[in-house]
């Protein structure tokens, strides 16, 4: 990973995604859900694009490895909270998603303190969880903003899918962290 150049195209795209979050929240608050849908879709595309460009251009950096998952968390937690506040998502799901992300940040910090090694790479369960969260938020914004009908069952299925993958990925992190602590203490 290049550590000298942090101001590169992939990192600028990631920063753009972070800057888009308050605008996205504002669009939902003023009930411009059609625009919110397109901003969210654009942010999702930029998430894939920045990673692709970082690899293709040899522009991967520590700051990018830190900012990219931070941008994802900021975007997803913000959209879930605002969709919950607007009664488009159930409160229990919003609490679950926010709690998991908060627990991951706290847990990762504690792992760093205990083991002095922290990898920022998400595990497969976390990637799946992020994907279904993006699909659910896109569905809700699309249905509400673009007046798509007949999607209630799909949204309900995705709500429970997000709930299940949130618990599953949280449990995987706990298991992995337990192993890391055991290895750091010479038990594994």
N, C-alpha and C. Protein backbone atom coordinates (compact mmCIF):
# COMPACT_ATOMS: atom_id res chain seq x y z
N UNK A 1 0.82 -1.19 0.00
CA UNK A 1 0.00 0.00 0.00
C UNK A 1 0.87 1.25 0.00
N UNK A 2 0.54 2.17 -0.87
CA UNK A 2 1.27 3.43 -0.89
C UNK A 2 0.88 4.25 0.33
N UNK A 3 1.87 4.72 1.05
CA UNK A 3 1.60 5.48 2.26
C UNK A 3 1.94 6.95 2.09
N UNK A 4 2.57 7.32 1.01
CA UNK A 4 3.01 8.69 0.84
C UNK A 4 1.95 9.57 0.19
N UNK A 5 1.19 9.04 -0.71
CA UNK A 5 0.19 9.85 -1.41
C UNK A 5 -1.20 9.50 -0.89
N UNK A 6 -1.79 10.42 -0.14
CA UNK A 6 -3.13 10.16 0.37
C UNK A 6 -4.17 10.90 -0.45
N UNK A 7 -3.76 11.98 -1.13
CA UNK A 7 -4.71 12.77 -1.91
C UNK A 7 -4.69 12.25 -3.35
N UNK A 8 -5.45 11.18 -3.57
CA UNK A 8 -5.51 10.58 -4.90
C UNK A 8 -6.98 10.43 -5.30
N UNK A 9 -7.22 10.03 -6.51
CA UNK A 9 -8.60 9.95 -7.03
C UNK A 9 -9.48 9.03 -6.19
N UNK A 10 -9.06 7.80 -5.85
CA UNK A 10 -9.93 6.96 -5.03
C UNK A 10 -10.27 7.59 -3.67
N UNK A 11 -9.29 8.22 -3.02
CA UNK A 11 -9.57 8.85 -1.73
C UNK A 11 -10.48 10.06 -1.88
N UNK A 12 -10.35 10.80 -2.97
CA UNK A 12 -11.24 11.93 -3.21
C UNK A 12 -12.68 11.45 -3.44
N UNK A 13 -12.83 10.33 -4.13
CA UNK A 13 -14.17 9.75 -4.32
C UNK A 13 -14.76 9.35 -2.97
N UNK A 14 -13.95 8.73 -2.11
CA UNK A 14 -14.40 8.35 -0.78
C UNK A 14 -14.79 9.58 0.03
N UNK A 15 -13.98 10.62 -0.02
CA UNK A 15 -14.32 11.87 0.68
C UNK A 15 -15.62 12.46 0.14
N UNK A 16 -15.82 12.37 -1.16
CA UNK A 16 -17.07 12.84 -1.75
C UNK A 16 -18.27 12.10 -1.19
N UNK A 17 -18.11 10.80 -0.96
CA UNK A 17 -19.18 10.00 -0.38
C UNK A 17 -19.49 10.47 1.04
N UNK A 18 -18.46 10.78 1.81
CA UNK A 18 -18.66 11.27 3.17
C UNK A 18 -19.38 12.62 3.14
N UNK A 19 -18.95 13.49 2.24
CA UNK A 19 -19.57 14.82 2.12
C UNK A 19 -21.02 14.72 1.66
N UNK A 20 -21.37 13.69 0.91
CA UNK A 20 -22.74 13.51 0.40
C UNK A 20 -23.73 13.14 1.50
N UNK A 21 -23.25 12.60 2.62
CA UNK A 21 -24.15 12.10 3.66
C UNK A 21 -25.08 13.19 4.22
N UNK A 22 -24.58 14.35 4.64
CA UNK A 22 -25.52 15.37 5.15
C UNK A 22 -26.54 15.80 4.10
N UNK A 23 -26.11 15.87 2.84
CA UNK A 23 -27.02 16.22 1.75
C UNK A 23 -28.10 15.15 1.61
N UNK A 24 -27.72 13.89 1.69
CA UNK A 24 -28.66 12.78 1.61
C UNK A 24 -29.69 12.85 2.74
N UNK A 25 -29.21 13.07 3.95
CA UNK A 25 -30.11 13.19 5.11
C UNK A 25 -31.08 14.35 4.91
N UNK A 26 -30.57 15.49 4.45
CA UNK A 26 -31.40 16.66 4.21
C UNK A 26 -32.48 16.35 3.17
N UNK A 27 -32.12 15.64 2.09
CA UNK A 27 -33.10 15.29 1.07
C UNK A 27 -34.22 14.43 1.64
N UNK A 28 -33.89 13.49 2.52
CA UNK A 28 -34.93 12.67 3.15
C UNK A 28 -35.79 13.53 4.06
N UNK A 29 -35.17 14.42 4.83
CA UNK A 29 -35.92 15.29 5.74
C UNK A 29 -36.92 16.19 5.02
N UNK A 30 -36.55 16.66 3.84
CA UNK A 30 -37.47 17.54 3.09
C UNK A 30 -38.33 16.75 2.11
N UNK A 31 -38.33 15.44 2.27
CA UNK A 31 -39.17 14.52 1.49
C UNK A 31 -38.90 14.57 -0.01
N UNK A 32 -37.64 14.78 -0.36
CA UNK A 32 -37.21 14.67 -1.75
C UNK A 32 -36.58 13.29 -1.93
N UNK A 33 -37.42 12.27 -1.74
CA UNK A 33 -36.92 10.90 -1.71
C UNK A 33 -36.48 10.39 -3.08
N UNK A 34 -37.00 10.99 -4.14
CA UNK A 34 -36.52 10.61 -5.47
C UNK A 34 -35.06 11.02 -5.62
N UNK A 35 -34.74 12.25 -5.24
CA UNK A 35 -33.35 12.70 -5.29
C UNK A 35 -32.48 11.93 -4.30
N UNK A 36 -33.04 11.65 -3.12
CA UNK A 36 -32.29 10.88 -2.11
C UNK A 36 -31.93 9.50 -2.67
N UNK A 37 -32.87 8.89 -3.38
CA UNK A 37 -32.60 7.59 -4.00
C UNK A 37 -31.39 7.68 -4.93
N UNK A 38 -31.38 8.68 -5.79
CA UNK A 38 -30.29 8.79 -6.77
C UNK A 38 -28.96 9.14 -6.11
N UNK A 39 -28.98 9.97 -5.08
CA UNK A 39 -27.74 10.27 -4.34
C UNK A 39 -27.22 9.00 -3.68
N UNK A 40 -28.13 8.22 -3.09
CA UNK A 40 -27.72 6.98 -2.43
C UNK A 40 -27.15 5.98 -3.44
N UNK A 41 -27.81 5.85 -4.58
CA UNK A 41 -27.31 4.95 -5.64
C UNK A 41 -25.93 5.43 -6.12
N UNK A 42 -25.79 6.74 -6.30
CA UNK A 42 -24.50 7.29 -6.71
C UNK A 42 -23.41 7.01 -5.68
N UNK A 43 -23.77 7.11 -4.41
CA UNK A 43 -22.81 6.81 -3.34
C UNK A 43 -22.42 5.33 -3.38
N UNK A 44 -23.41 4.47 -3.63
CA UNK A 44 -23.12 3.04 -3.73
C UNK A 44 -22.19 2.72 -4.89
N UNK A 45 -22.42 3.37 -6.02
CA UNK A 45 -21.54 3.17 -7.17
C UNK A 45 -20.14 3.68 -6.86
N UNK A 46 -20.07 4.83 -6.19
CA UNK A 46 -18.75 5.39 -5.86
C UNK A 46 -17.99 4.49 -4.90
N UNK A 47 -18.71 3.74 -4.06
CA UNK A 47 -18.06 2.82 -3.13
C UNK A 47 -17.32 1.73 -3.90
N UNK A 48 -17.95 1.19 -4.92
CA UNK A 48 -17.28 0.19 -5.74
C UNK A 48 -16.18 0.81 -6.60
N UNK A 49 -16.44 2.02 -7.09
CA UNK A 49 -15.49 2.68 -7.98
C UNK A 49 -14.19 3.04 -7.28
N UNK A 50 -14.27 3.55 -6.06
CA UNK A 50 -13.02 3.95 -5.38
C UNK A 50 -12.12 2.74 -5.12
N UNK A 51 -12.71 1.62 -4.73
CA UNK A 51 -11.91 0.41 -4.51
C UNK A 51 -11.30 -0.11 -5.79
N UNK A 52 -12.10 -0.11 -6.85
CA UNK A 52 -11.60 -0.56 -8.15
C UNK A 52 -10.43 0.31 -8.62
N UNK A 53 -10.62 1.63 -8.54
CA UNK A 53 -9.57 2.54 -8.99
C UNK A 53 -8.31 2.45 -8.13
N UNK A 54 -8.49 2.26 -6.83
CA UNK A 54 -7.33 2.13 -5.95
C UNK A 54 -6.47 0.94 -6.37
N UNK A 55 -7.12 -0.17 -6.71
CA UNK A 55 -6.38 -1.36 -7.15
C UNK A 55 -5.79 -1.15 -8.54
N UNK A 56 -6.62 -0.65 -9.45
CA UNK A 56 -6.20 -0.48 -10.85
C UNK A 56 -5.06 0.53 -11.00
N UNK A 57 -5.11 1.60 -10.20
CA UNK A 57 -4.12 2.67 -10.31
C UNK A 57 -2.93 2.46 -9.37
N UNK A 58 -2.98 1.40 -8.56
CA UNK A 58 -1.93 1.21 -7.56
C UNK A 58 -1.94 2.32 -6.53
N UNK A 59 -3.13 2.82 -6.22
CA UNK A 59 -3.27 3.98 -5.34
C UNK A 59 -3.84 3.61 -3.97
N UNK A 60 -3.77 2.34 -3.61
CA UNK A 60 -4.25 1.94 -2.29
C UNK A 60 -3.39 2.61 -1.23
N UNK A 61 -4.03 3.06 -0.16
CA UNK A 61 -3.29 3.75 0.90
C UNK A 61 -3.90 3.41 2.25
N UNK A 62 -3.13 3.65 3.30
CA UNK A 62 -3.66 3.41 4.65
C UNK A 62 -4.84 4.31 4.94
N UNK A 63 -4.76 5.57 4.50
CA UNK A 63 -5.87 6.50 4.74
C UNK A 63 -7.11 6.03 3.99
N UNK A 64 -6.93 5.51 2.78
CA UNK A 64 -8.06 4.99 2.02
C UNK A 64 -8.67 3.76 2.68
N UNK A 65 -7.80 2.88 3.20
CA UNK A 65 -8.27 1.67 3.89
C UNK A 65 -9.02 2.04 5.16
N UNK A 66 -8.71 3.19 5.75
CA UNK A 66 -9.42 3.66 6.94
C UNK A 66 -10.69 4.41 6.55
N UNK A 67 -10.60 5.30 5.54
CA UNK A 67 -11.74 6.14 5.17
C UNK A 67 -12.88 5.37 4.51
N UNK A 68 -12.55 4.38 3.69
CA UNK A 68 -13.60 3.67 2.95
C UNK A 68 -14.62 3.00 3.87
N UNK A 69 -14.21 2.18 4.84
CA UNK A 69 -15.23 1.60 5.72
C UNK A 69 -15.90 2.65 6.61
N UNK A 70 -15.17 3.72 6.95
CA UNK A 70 -15.76 4.80 7.73
C UNK A 70 -16.88 5.47 6.93
N UNK A 71 -16.62 5.72 5.65
CA UNK A 71 -17.63 6.32 4.78
C UNK A 71 -18.85 5.41 4.67
N UNK A 72 -18.62 4.11 4.54
CA UNK A 72 -19.74 3.16 4.48
C UNK A 72 -20.58 3.22 5.75
N UNK A 73 -19.92 3.18 6.91
CA UNK A 73 -20.64 3.21 8.18
C UNK A 73 -21.41 4.52 8.33
N UNK A 74 -20.76 5.63 8.02
CA UNK A 74 -21.39 6.94 8.14
C UNK A 74 -22.63 7.01 7.25
N UNK A 75 -22.50 6.54 6.02
CA UNK A 75 -23.62 6.56 5.07
C UNK A 75 -24.76 5.66 5.54
N UNK A 76 -24.44 4.42 5.88
CA UNK A 76 -25.49 3.46 6.23
C UNK A 76 -26.16 3.78 7.56
N UNK A 77 -25.38 4.13 8.56
CA UNK A 77 -26.00 4.48 9.85
C UNK A 77 -26.88 5.72 9.67
N UNK A 78 -26.40 6.71 8.95
CA UNK A 78 -27.18 7.93 8.73
C UNK A 78 -28.48 7.64 8.00
N UNK A 79 -28.42 6.85 6.93
CA UNK A 79 -29.64 6.58 6.17
C UNK A 79 -30.60 5.71 6.97
N UNK A 80 -30.09 4.75 7.74
CA UNK A 80 -30.98 3.93 8.55
C UNK A 80 -31.65 4.76 9.63
N UNK A 81 -30.89 5.64 10.28
CA UNK A 81 -31.48 6.48 11.34
C UNK A 81 -32.54 7.40 10.75
N UNK A 82 -32.24 8.08 9.65
CA UNK A 82 -33.21 9.02 9.09
C UNK A 82 -34.44 8.29 8.53
N UNK A 83 -34.25 7.11 7.95
CA UNK A 83 -35.41 6.34 7.47
C UNK A 83 -36.23 5.83 8.65
N UNK A 84 -35.59 5.53 9.77
CA UNK A 84 -36.31 5.15 10.98
C UNK A 84 -37.07 6.32 11.57
N UNK A 85 -36.44 7.49 11.63
CA UNK A 85 -37.09 8.70 12.15
C UNK A 85 -38.32 9.04 11.30
N UNK A 86 -38.23 8.81 10.01
CA UNK A 86 -39.34 9.10 9.10
C UNK A 86 -40.36 7.95 9.03
N UNK A 87 -40.19 6.94 9.88
CA UNK A 87 -41.09 5.77 9.95
C UNK A 87 -41.12 4.92 8.68
N UNK A 88 -40.02 4.91 7.95
CA UNK A 88 -39.91 4.03 6.79
C UNK A 88 -39.25 2.70 7.15
N UNK A 89 -38.56 2.66 8.28
CA UNK A 89 -37.94 1.44 8.80
C UNK A 89 -38.33 1.28 10.26
N UNK A 90 -38.48 0.02 10.73
CA UNK A 90 -38.84 -0.18 12.13
C UNK A 90 -37.70 0.22 13.08
N UNK A 91 -38.09 0.77 14.21
CA UNK A 91 -37.13 1.24 15.20
C UNK A 91 -36.21 0.13 15.68
N UNK A 92 -36.75 -1.09 15.87
CA UNK A 92 -35.91 -2.19 16.37
C UNK A 92 -34.75 -2.47 15.42
N UNK A 93 -35.01 -2.35 14.12
CA UNK A 93 -33.95 -2.62 13.14
C UNK A 93 -32.90 -1.51 13.16
N UNK A 94 -33.36 -0.27 13.25
CA UNK A 94 -32.43 0.86 13.31
C UNK A 94 -31.52 0.72 14.53
N UNK A 95 -32.11 0.41 15.68
CA UNK A 95 -31.32 0.24 16.91
C UNK A 95 -30.32 -0.89 16.74
N UNK A 96 -30.74 -1.99 16.14
CA UNK A 96 -29.86 -3.14 15.93
C UNK A 96 -28.67 -2.78 15.04
N UNK A 97 -28.93 -2.10 13.94
CA UNK A 97 -27.87 -1.72 13.00
C UNK A 97 -26.90 -0.74 13.65
N UNK A 98 -27.44 0.27 14.34
CA UNK A 98 -26.58 1.27 14.98
C UNK A 98 -25.76 0.62 16.10
N UNK A 99 -26.41 -0.23 16.91
CA UNK A 99 -25.70 -0.88 18.01
C UNK A 99 -24.56 -1.75 17.49
N UNK A 100 -24.82 -2.53 16.44
CA UNK A 100 -23.77 -3.39 15.87
C UNK A 100 -22.59 -2.57 15.40
N UNK A 101 -22.86 -1.49 14.67
CA UNK A 101 -21.75 -0.67 14.17
C UNK A 101 -20.99 0.00 15.30
N UNK A 102 -21.70 0.47 16.32
CA UNK A 102 -21.04 1.05 17.49
C UNK A 102 -20.20 -0.01 18.20
N UNK A 103 -20.76 -1.21 18.35
CA UNK A 103 -20.04 -2.30 19.01
C UNK A 103 -18.79 -2.69 18.23
N UNK A 104 -18.86 -2.65 16.91
CA UNK A 104 -17.69 -2.98 16.09
C UNK A 104 -16.58 -1.95 16.30
N UNK A 105 -16.94 -0.69 16.33
CA UNK A 105 -15.93 0.36 16.55
C UNK A 105 -15.31 0.21 17.93
N UNK A 106 -16.14 0.02 18.96
CA UNK A 106 -15.62 -0.15 20.32
C UNK A 106 -14.80 -1.44 20.42
N UNK A 107 -15.33 -2.53 19.87
CA UNK A 107 -14.62 -3.81 19.92
C UNK A 107 -13.28 -3.75 19.21
N UNK A 108 -13.25 -3.14 18.03
CA UNK A 108 -12.00 -3.02 17.28
C UNK A 108 -10.99 -2.18 18.06
N UNK A 109 -11.46 -1.14 18.71
CA UNK A 109 -10.56 -0.31 19.52
C UNK A 109 -9.99 -1.10 20.68
N UNK A 110 -10.83 -1.90 21.33
CA UNK A 110 -10.35 -2.73 22.44
C UNK A 110 -9.36 -3.79 21.97
N UNK A 111 -9.63 -4.38 20.81
CA UNK A 111 -8.70 -5.37 20.25
C UNK A 111 -7.35 -4.72 19.99
N UNK A 112 -7.36 -3.51 19.46
CA UNK A 112 -6.11 -2.79 19.22
C UNK A 112 -5.36 -2.57 20.53
N UNK A 113 -6.07 -2.20 21.58
CA UNK A 113 -5.44 -1.96 22.89
C UNK A 113 -4.85 -3.25 23.45
N UNK A 114 -5.60 -4.35 23.35
CA UNK A 114 -5.17 -5.62 23.94
C UNK A 114 -4.09 -6.31 23.12
N UNK A 115 -4.26 -6.34 21.80
CA UNK A 115 -3.36 -7.14 20.96
C UNK A 115 -2.32 -6.31 20.21
N UNK A 116 -2.54 -5.02 20.12
CA UNK A 116 -1.68 -4.11 19.36
C UNK A 116 -1.65 -4.45 17.87
N UNK A 117 -2.65 -5.18 17.42
CA UNK A 117 -2.79 -5.47 15.99
C UNK A 117 -4.26 -5.32 15.63
N UNK A 118 -4.51 -4.50 14.66
CA UNK A 118 -5.89 -4.31 14.22
C UNK A 118 -5.90 -4.31 12.70
N UNK A 119 -6.70 -5.20 12.15
CA UNK A 119 -6.89 -5.23 10.70
C UNK A 119 -8.22 -4.57 10.40
N UNK A 120 -8.23 -3.64 9.46
CA UNK A 120 -9.45 -2.93 9.10
C UNK A 120 -10.28 -3.69 8.07
N UNK A 121 -9.78 -4.80 7.56
CA UNK A 121 -10.49 -5.54 6.52
C UNK A 121 -11.75 -6.18 7.09
N UNK A 122 -12.92 -5.91 6.47
CA UNK A 122 -14.15 -6.54 6.95
C UNK A 122 -14.18 -8.02 6.57
N UNK A 123 -14.87 -8.81 7.39
CA UNK A 123 -15.01 -10.23 7.06
C UNK A 123 -16.17 -10.41 6.08
N UNK A 124 -16.33 -11.62 5.55
CA UNK A 124 -17.35 -11.88 4.54
C UNK A 124 -18.76 -11.62 5.08
N UNK A 125 -19.02 -11.99 6.34
CA UNK A 125 -20.35 -11.76 6.90
C UNK A 125 -20.67 -10.27 6.96
N UNK A 126 -19.66 -9.46 7.23
CA UNK A 126 -19.85 -8.01 7.27
C UNK A 126 -20.13 -7.46 5.87
N UNK A 127 -19.45 -8.00 4.86
CA UNK A 127 -19.69 -7.56 3.49
C UNK A 127 -21.11 -7.92 3.05
N UNK A 128 -21.56 -9.11 3.42
CA UNK A 128 -22.93 -9.52 3.10
C UNK A 128 -23.92 -8.63 3.81
N UNK A 129 -23.66 -8.36 5.09
CA UNK A 129 -24.54 -7.48 5.87
C UNK A 129 -24.61 -6.09 5.24
N UNK A 130 -23.48 -5.54 4.86
CA UNK A 130 -23.46 -4.22 4.23
C UNK A 130 -24.26 -4.24 2.93
N UNK A 131 -24.11 -5.30 2.15
CA UNK A 131 -24.83 -5.41 0.88
C UNK A 131 -26.34 -5.43 1.10
N UNK A 132 -26.82 -6.23 2.05
CA UNK A 132 -28.27 -6.29 2.26
C UNK A 132 -28.79 -4.99 2.87
N UNK A 133 -27.97 -4.29 3.65
CA UNK A 133 -28.37 -2.98 4.16
C UNK A 133 -28.53 -1.99 3.00
N UNK A 134 -27.60 -2.03 2.06
CA UNK A 134 -27.68 -1.14 0.90
C UNK A 134 -28.91 -1.47 0.06
N UNK A 135 -29.18 -2.76 -0.14
CA UNK A 135 -30.36 -3.16 -0.91
C UNK A 135 -31.63 -2.68 -0.23
N UNK A 136 -31.73 -2.87 1.09
CA UNK A 136 -32.93 -2.43 1.81
C UNK A 136 -33.11 -0.92 1.72
N UNK A 137 -32.07 -0.15 1.99
CA UNK A 137 -32.18 1.31 1.92
C UNK A 137 -32.55 1.76 0.51
N UNK A 138 -31.97 1.12 -0.50
CA UNK A 138 -32.29 1.46 -1.89
C UNK A 138 -33.75 1.15 -2.20
N UNK A 139 -34.22 -0.02 -1.74
CA UNK A 139 -35.63 -0.38 -1.95
C UNK A 139 -36.57 0.64 -1.32
N UNK A 140 -36.29 0.98 -0.06
CA UNK A 140 -37.17 1.93 0.65
C UNK A 140 -37.16 3.28 -0.04
N UNK A 141 -35.98 3.79 -0.36
CA UNK A 141 -35.90 5.09 -1.05
C UNK A 141 -36.55 5.03 -2.43
N UNK A 142 -36.34 3.92 -3.14
CA UNK A 142 -36.94 3.78 -4.46
C UNK A 142 -38.45 3.71 -4.41
N UNK A 143 -38.97 2.92 -3.49
CA UNK A 143 -40.43 2.79 -3.34
C UNK A 143 -41.04 4.13 -2.94
N UNK A 144 -40.45 4.77 -1.95
CA UNK A 144 -41.01 6.03 -1.45
C UNK A 144 -40.78 7.19 -2.41
N UNK A 145 -39.61 7.24 -3.04
CA UNK A 145 -39.27 8.38 -3.87
C UNK A 145 -39.72 8.28 -5.31
N UNK A 146 -39.77 7.07 -5.82
CA UNK A 146 -40.11 6.88 -7.23
C UNK A 146 -41.51 6.30 -7.40
N UNK A 147 -42.25 6.22 -6.28
CA UNK A 147 -43.63 5.72 -6.28
C UNK A 147 -43.75 4.33 -6.90
N UNK A 148 -42.81 3.46 -6.57
CA UNK A 148 -42.86 2.08 -7.02
C UNK A 148 -43.87 1.34 -6.13
N UNK A 149 -44.76 0.59 -6.74
CA UNK A 149 -45.78 -0.12 -5.96
C UNK A 149 -45.51 -1.63 -6.00
N UNK A 150 -46.13 -2.34 -5.06
CA UNK A 150 -46.05 -3.79 -5.03
C UNK A 150 -44.77 -4.34 -4.45
N UNK A 151 -44.06 -3.55 -3.67
CA UNK A 151 -42.77 -3.98 -3.14
C UNK A 151 -42.80 -4.23 -1.63
N UNK A 152 -43.97 -4.14 -1.02
CA UNK A 152 -44.06 -4.27 0.44
C UNK A 152 -43.50 -5.59 0.94
N UNK A 153 -43.82 -6.69 0.27
CA UNK A 153 -43.32 -7.99 0.69
C UNK A 153 -41.79 -8.06 0.60
N UNK A 154 -41.23 -7.52 -0.48
CA UNK A 154 -39.77 -7.52 -0.65
C UNK A 154 -39.09 -6.70 0.44
N UNK A 155 -39.69 -5.56 0.76
CA UNK A 155 -39.12 -4.72 1.82
C UNK A 155 -39.18 -5.45 3.15
N UNK A 156 -40.31 -6.10 3.44
CA UNK A 156 -40.42 -6.84 4.70
C UNK A 156 -39.40 -7.98 4.77
N UNK A 157 -39.23 -8.70 3.68
CA UNK A 157 -38.23 -9.77 3.63
C UNK A 157 -36.84 -9.19 3.88
N UNK A 158 -36.53 -8.06 3.26
CA UNK A 158 -35.21 -7.44 3.42
C UNK A 158 -35.01 -6.91 4.84
N UNK A 159 -36.07 -6.42 5.48
CA UNK A 159 -35.96 -5.96 6.87
C UNK A 159 -35.49 -7.11 7.75
N UNK A 160 -36.12 -8.27 7.61
CA UNK A 160 -35.72 -9.42 8.43
C UNK A 160 -34.37 -9.99 8.00
N UNK A 161 -34.06 -9.90 6.72
CA UNK A 161 -32.74 -10.34 6.25
C UNK A 161 -31.64 -9.47 6.86
N UNK A 162 -31.86 -8.16 6.87
CA UNK A 162 -30.88 -7.26 7.50
C UNK A 162 -30.76 -7.57 8.99
N UNK A 163 -31.89 -7.82 9.66
CA UNK A 163 -31.83 -8.18 11.07
C UNK A 163 -31.00 -9.43 11.31
N UNK A 164 -31.24 -10.46 10.50
CA UNK A 164 -30.49 -11.71 10.65
C UNK A 164 -29.00 -11.55 10.34
N UNK A 165 -28.69 -10.86 9.24
CA UNK A 165 -27.27 -10.71 8.89
C UNK A 165 -26.54 -9.79 9.87
N UNK A 166 -27.28 -8.87 10.48
CA UNK A 166 -26.68 -8.00 11.49
C UNK A 166 -26.25 -8.81 12.71
N UNK A 167 -27.14 -9.69 13.18
CA UNK A 167 -26.81 -10.55 14.32
C UNK A 167 -25.69 -11.51 13.94
N UNK A 168 -25.80 -12.13 12.78
CA UNK A 168 -24.80 -13.10 12.30
C UNK A 168 -23.42 -12.46 12.20
N UNK A 169 -23.32 -11.31 11.55
CA UNK A 169 -22.00 -10.70 11.38
C UNK A 169 -21.45 -10.20 12.71
N UNK A 170 -22.32 -9.72 13.60
CA UNK A 170 -21.86 -9.33 14.93
C UNK A 170 -21.30 -10.52 15.70
N UNK A 171 -21.96 -11.67 15.59
CA UNK A 171 -21.48 -12.88 16.26
C UNK A 171 -20.13 -13.33 15.69
N UNK A 172 -19.97 -13.22 14.38
CA UNK A 172 -18.69 -13.59 13.74
C UNK A 172 -17.57 -12.69 14.26
N UNK A 173 -17.83 -11.40 14.36
CA UNK A 173 -16.81 -10.49 14.91
C UNK A 173 -16.44 -10.88 16.33
N UNK A 174 -17.43 -11.19 17.16
CA UNK A 174 -17.13 -11.59 18.55
C UNK A 174 -16.25 -12.84 18.57
N UNK A 175 -16.57 -13.80 17.74
CA UNK A 175 -15.79 -15.04 17.66
C UNK A 175 -14.35 -14.73 17.23
N UNK A 176 -14.20 -13.93 16.18
CA UNK A 176 -12.86 -13.59 15.68
C UNK A 176 -12.06 -12.82 16.73
N UNK A 177 -12.71 -11.91 17.40
CA UNK A 177 -12.01 -11.13 18.43
C UNK A 177 -11.59 -12.01 19.60
N UNK A 178 -12.44 -12.96 19.96
CA UNK A 178 -12.07 -13.91 21.02
C UNK A 178 -10.82 -14.68 20.65
N UNK A 179 -10.75 -15.13 19.40
CA UNK A 179 -9.55 -15.83 18.91
C UNK A 179 -8.32 -14.93 18.93
N UNK A 180 -8.48 -13.68 18.54
CA UNK A 180 -7.35 -12.75 18.52
C UNK A 180 -6.81 -12.52 19.94
N UNK A 181 -7.72 -12.37 20.89
CA UNK A 181 -7.30 -12.16 22.28
C UNK A 181 -6.61 -13.40 22.82
N UNK A 182 -7.17 -14.59 22.51
CA UNK A 182 -6.54 -15.84 22.95
C UNK A 182 -5.13 -15.98 22.39
N UNK A 183 -4.96 -15.67 21.11
CA UNK A 183 -3.64 -15.75 20.49
C UNK A 183 -2.68 -14.73 21.09
N UNK A 184 -3.18 -13.54 21.39
CA UNK A 184 -2.33 -12.51 21.98
C UNK A 184 -1.88 -12.91 23.38
N UNK A 185 -2.72 -13.69 24.07
CA UNK A 185 -2.38 -14.15 25.42
C UNK A 185 -1.63 -15.47 25.40
N UNK A 186 -1.31 -15.97 24.20
CA UNK A 186 -0.54 -17.21 24.08
C UNK A 186 -1.35 -18.47 24.32
N UNK A 187 -2.69 -18.36 24.19
CA UNK A 187 -3.55 -19.52 24.45
C UNK A 187 -3.91 -20.25 23.17
N UNK A 188 -3.63 -19.69 22.00
CA UNK A 188 -4.11 -20.33 20.79
C UNK A 188 -3.03 -20.68 19.88
